[in-house]
N, C-alpha and C. Protein backbone atom coordinates (compact mmCIF):
# COMPACT_ATOMS: atom_id res chain seq x y z
N MET A 1 13.08 186.28 47.49
CA MET A 1 13.56 184.93 47.59
C MET A 1 14.93 185.17 49.19
N PRO A 2 14.31 184.22 49.99
CA PRO A 2 15.07 184.46 51.40
C PRO A 2 15.89 183.68 51.05
N ARG A 3 17.47 184.08 51.75
CA ARG A 3 18.88 183.05 51.73
C ARG A 3 18.82 182.58 52.71
N ILE A 4 19.71 181.63 52.99
CA ILE A 4 19.92 180.96 54.23
C ILE A 4 21.38 181.20 54.22
N SER A 5 22.33 181.22 55.38
CA SER A 5 23.25 181.58 55.71
C SER A 5 23.98 180.03 55.95
N THR A 6 25.26 180.20 55.39
CA THR A 6 25.74 178.77 55.52
C THR A 6 26.29 178.27 56.59
N HIS A 7 26.32 178.95 57.68
CA HIS A 7 26.01 178.02 58.90
C HIS A 7 25.15 177.08 59.55
N LEU A 8 23.49 178.39 58.75
CA LEU A 8 22.47 177.04 59.03
C LEU A 8 22.42 176.16 58.32
N LEU A 9 22.03 176.30 56.62
CA LEU A 9 22.79 175.08 55.75
C LEU A 9 23.48 173.95 56.46
N LEU A 10 24.53 174.28 57.09
CA LEU A 10 25.93 173.21 57.25
C LEU A 10 25.20 172.02 58.65
N LEU A 11 24.68 173.18 59.41
CA LEU A 11 23.89 172.30 60.92
C LEU A 11 22.79 171.71 60.26
N ILE A 12 21.79 171.97 58.94
CA ILE A 12 20.96 170.62 58.28
C ILE A 12 21.43 170.12 58.08
N ILE A 13 22.94 170.28 57.46
CA ILE A 13 23.47 168.83 56.70
C ILE A 13 24.19 168.23 57.88
N SER A 14 24.08 168.56 59.00
CA SER A 14 25.18 167.93 60.36
C SER A 14 24.47 167.18 60.62
N LEU A 15 22.78 167.78 61.13
CA LEU A 15 21.88 166.75 61.45
C LEU A 15 21.33 165.76 60.59
N LEU A 16 20.73 166.21 59.91
CA LEU A 16 20.46 164.42 58.51
C LEU A 16 21.50 163.72 58.93
N GLY A 17 22.82 163.67 58.71
CA GLY A 17 23.95 162.87 58.46
C GLY A 17 23.64 162.29 60.04
N TYR A 18 23.44 162.81 60.92
CA TYR A 18 22.96 162.44 62.22
C TYR A 18 22.74 161.05 62.37
N TYR A 19 20.70 161.85 61.89
CA TYR A 19 19.83 160.37 61.90
C TYR A 19 19.80 159.52 60.85
N ALA A 20 20.45 160.10 60.02
CA ALA A 20 20.73 159.09 59.10
C ALA A 20 21.49 157.55 59.56
N ARG A 21 22.94 158.07 60.46
CA ARG A 21 23.83 156.88 61.28
C ARG A 21 22.70 156.32 61.81
N ILE A 22 21.58 157.36 62.53
CA ILE A 22 20.95 156.29 63.96
C ILE A 22 19.97 155.59 63.13
N ASP A 23 19.61 155.73 62.25
CA ASP A 23 18.78 154.74 61.53
C ASP A 23 19.55 153.82 61.02
N ALA A 24 20.82 153.84 59.84
CA ALA A 24 21.26 152.77 59.99
C ALA A 24 21.73 151.55 61.09
N GLN A 25 22.13 151.89 61.82
CA GLN A 25 22.71 151.65 63.41
C GLN A 25 20.97 150.58 63.67
N ASN A 26 19.96 151.26 63.40
CA ASN A 26 18.17 150.55 64.04
C ASN A 26 18.39 149.65 62.59
N ILE A 27 18.88 149.35 61.65
CA ILE A 27 18.27 148.65 60.94
C ILE A 27 18.64 146.83 61.04
N GLU A 28 17.67 146.45 61.24
CA GLU A 28 17.68 144.49 61.70
C GLU A 28 17.93 143.80 60.35
N LEU A 29 19.23 143.52 59.91
CA LEU A 29 19.55 143.00 59.24
C LEU A 29 18.89 141.19 59.22
N PRO A 30 18.91 140.31 58.39
CA PRO A 30 18.89 138.95 58.30
C PRO A 30 19.68 138.43 58.40
N CYS A 31 19.75 137.14 58.98
CA CYS A 31 21.14 136.03 58.72
C CYS A 31 21.28 135.30 57.72
N SER A 32 22.34 134.83 58.21
CA SER A 32 22.34 133.86 56.64
C SER A 32 21.98 132.58 57.66
N PHE A 33 22.12 131.43 56.87
CA PHE A 33 22.08 130.19 57.40
C PHE A 33 22.99 129.37 58.33
N PRO A 34 22.48 128.81 59.72
CA PRO A 34 23.41 128.99 60.25
C PRO A 34 24.33 127.63 60.63
N GLY A 35 23.80 127.04 59.92
CA GLY A 35 24.95 125.50 59.75
C GLY A 35 23.68 124.75 60.74
N SER A 36 23.75 123.48 60.22
CA SER A 36 22.98 122.22 61.32
C SER A 36 24.36 121.52 60.69
N PRO A 37 24.65 120.56 62.35
CA PRO A 37 25.73 119.40 61.70
C PRO A 37 25.22 118.36 61.78
N ALA A 38 26.06 117.33 61.48
CA ALA A 38 26.09 116.42 61.06
C ALA A 38 24.99 115.58 61.64
N HIS A 39 24.10 115.08 61.76
CA HIS A 39 23.02 113.58 62.89
C HIS A 39 22.35 114.69 63.79
N SER A 40 21.65 116.30 63.54
CA SER A 40 20.97 117.18 63.64
C SER A 40 19.47 117.54 62.73
N THR A 41 18.64 118.21 63.45
CA THR A 41 18.37 118.86 63.17
C THR A 41 18.00 120.09 62.96
N VAL A 42 17.47 120.90 62.45
CA VAL A 42 17.32 122.02 62.92
C VAL A 42 16.03 122.99 62.51
N VAL A 43 15.63 123.77 63.39
CA VAL A 43 14.09 124.07 63.00
C VAL A 43 13.82 125.78 62.73
N PHE A 44 12.84 126.33 62.36
CA PHE A 44 13.82 127.56 62.42
C PHE A 44 12.21 128.11 62.73
N SER A 45 12.30 129.60 63.52
CA SER A 45 10.33 129.94 63.96
C SER A 45 10.11 130.79 62.84
N ASN A 46 11.40 131.01 61.87
CA ASN A 46 10.53 132.18 60.91
C ASN A 46 11.27 131.39 59.85
N VAL A 47 11.09 131.41 58.60
CA VAL A 47 11.71 130.84 57.59
C VAL A 47 12.79 132.24 56.81
N ASN A 48 12.61 132.98 57.07
CA ASN A 48 13.25 134.49 56.48
C ASN A 48 14.40 134.50 57.29
N LEU A 49 14.80 134.22 58.29
CA LEU A 49 15.82 133.81 58.99
C LEU A 49 16.05 135.79 59.34
N THR A 50 15.22 136.20 59.59
CA THR A 50 14.88 137.26 60.33
C THR A 50 15.44 138.29 61.12
N HIS A 51 15.27 139.24 61.89
CA HIS A 51 16.25 139.57 63.25
C HIS A 51 14.67 139.23 64.13
N GLY A 52 15.24 137.80 65.61
CA GLY A 52 13.81 137.58 65.86
C GLY A 52 14.14 136.17 65.69
N THR A 53 14.38 135.29 64.59
CA THR A 53 14.23 133.98 64.17
C THR A 53 14.99 133.47 65.96
N VAL A 54 14.48 132.26 66.08
CA VAL A 54 14.79 131.33 67.08
C VAL A 54 14.79 130.32 66.21
N ALA A 55 16.68 129.30 65.94
CA ALA A 55 16.76 128.20 65.43
C ALA A 55 17.25 127.45 66.89
N SER A 56 16.24 126.54 66.58
CA SER A 56 16.22 125.15 67.37
C SER A 56 16.65 123.40 66.96
N TYR A 57 17.81 123.35 67.32
CA TYR A 57 18.69 122.06 67.69
C TYR A 57 18.09 120.91 68.38
N SER A 58 18.53 119.96 67.12
CA SER A 58 18.12 118.31 68.46
C SER A 58 18.90 117.52 66.88
N CYS A 59 19.22 116.34 67.93
CA CYS A 59 19.78 115.48 67.46
C CYS A 59 19.41 114.17 67.49
N GLU A 60 19.70 113.50 66.41
CA GLU A 60 19.62 112.17 65.78
C GLU A 60 19.33 111.43 67.25
N ARG A 61 18.46 110.12 67.03
CA ARG A 61 18.41 109.04 68.27
C ARG A 61 20.21 108.54 68.29
N GLY A 62 20.43 107.68 69.72
CA GLY A 62 22.02 107.65 69.55
C GLY A 62 23.22 108.84 69.85
N PHE A 63 22.49 109.89 70.02
CA PHE A 63 23.68 111.05 69.66
C PHE A 63 22.94 112.36 70.14
N GLU A 64 24.08 112.29 70.96
CA GLU A 64 23.62 114.13 72.46
C GLU A 64 24.14 114.87 71.91
N LEU A 65 22.74 116.38 72.05
CA LEU A 65 23.64 117.78 71.34
C LEU A 65 24.33 117.88 72.88
N LEU A 66 25.83 118.96 71.87
CA LEU A 66 26.64 119.56 73.04
C LEU A 66 26.77 121.38 72.39
N GLY A 67 26.13 122.09 72.71
CA GLY A 67 26.67 122.85 72.63
C GLY A 67 24.83 123.51 73.03
N PRO A 68 25.14 125.65 72.54
CA PRO A 68 23.25 125.70 72.62
C PRO A 68 21.89 124.66 71.95
N ALA A 69 21.21 124.79 72.63
CA ALA A 69 20.05 124.24 71.99
C ALA A 69 19.33 124.81 70.85
N ARG A 70 19.58 126.41 71.39
CA ARG A 70 18.53 127.37 70.71
C ARG A 70 19.69 129.13 70.18
N ARG A 71 19.76 128.89 69.15
CA ARG A 71 20.40 130.08 69.06
C ARG A 71 19.80 131.43 68.12
N VAL A 72 19.34 132.75 68.20
CA VAL A 72 18.31 133.58 67.73
C VAL A 72 19.55 135.04 67.04
N CYS A 73 18.39 134.92 66.16
CA CYS A 73 19.35 135.42 65.38
C CYS A 73 19.19 137.56 66.01
N ASP A 74 20.57 138.12 65.51
CA ASP A 74 20.18 138.99 66.35
C ASP A 74 21.45 140.28 65.28
N LYS A 75 20.41 140.98 64.96
CA LYS A 75 20.58 142.28 63.54
C LYS A 75 22.13 141.44 62.41
N GLY A 76 21.46 139.81 62.27
CA GLY A 76 22.44 139.36 61.07
C GLY A 76 22.89 138.50 61.78
N THR A 77 23.52 138.10 63.44
CA THR A 77 24.37 137.09 63.28
C THR A 77 23.80 136.44 64.65
N TRP A 78 23.80 135.23 64.66
CA TRP A 78 22.99 134.01 65.46
C TRP A 78 23.83 134.06 66.77
N MET A 79 23.57 134.26 67.94
CA MET A 79 23.95 134.06 68.79
C MET A 79 23.13 133.08 70.21
N PRO A 80 23.86 132.16 70.83
CA PRO A 80 25.21 132.53 71.00
C PRO A 80 25.96 132.19 69.47
N GLU A 81 27.47 132.42 69.83
CA GLU A 81 28.01 132.29 68.74
C GLU A 81 28.09 130.94 68.72
N GLY A 82 29.24 130.23 67.76
CA GLY A 82 29.71 128.53 67.67
C GLY A 82 28.01 127.96 67.43
N ILE A 83 28.31 127.09 65.97
CA ILE A 83 27.29 125.70 65.88
C ILE A 83 27.77 124.62 66.76
N PRO A 84 26.48 123.93 67.58
CA PRO A 84 26.31 122.92 68.55
C PRO A 84 26.62 122.16 67.39
N PHE A 85 27.24 120.88 68.48
CA PHE A 85 27.10 119.81 67.77
C PHE A 85 27.10 118.59 68.03
N CYS A 86 26.73 117.41 67.50
CA CYS A 86 25.84 115.97 68.02
C CYS A 86 26.87 114.65 67.99
N GLY A 87 27.67 114.41 69.27
CA GLY A 87 28.36 113.26 69.65
C GLY A 87 27.61 112.64 69.91
N LYS A 88 27.92 111.15 69.59
CA LYS A 88 27.58 109.59 70.04
C LYS A 88 27.29 109.37 71.79
N CYS A 89 26.22 108.76 71.43
CA CYS A 89 26.16 108.76 73.17
C CYS A 89 26.62 107.80 73.83
């Protein structure tokens, strides 16, 4: 039975660990519910809130949206940060 040298075995283990870290960085985490300000409606492009989901905000009549009208789920974080709110017109 062929023997593997200790150095070769350590190299293989190091490479496997390196590629496992790269794979972990590429995991596309879902986002949690981003919040919905008072007097607003939020509509999602994907109900699962996965990477790439767009949250679109709008306000009830008589209110205006202050902040971003759209936010995108980016690897578990809504971007841009900060929830918009609806202010009285």
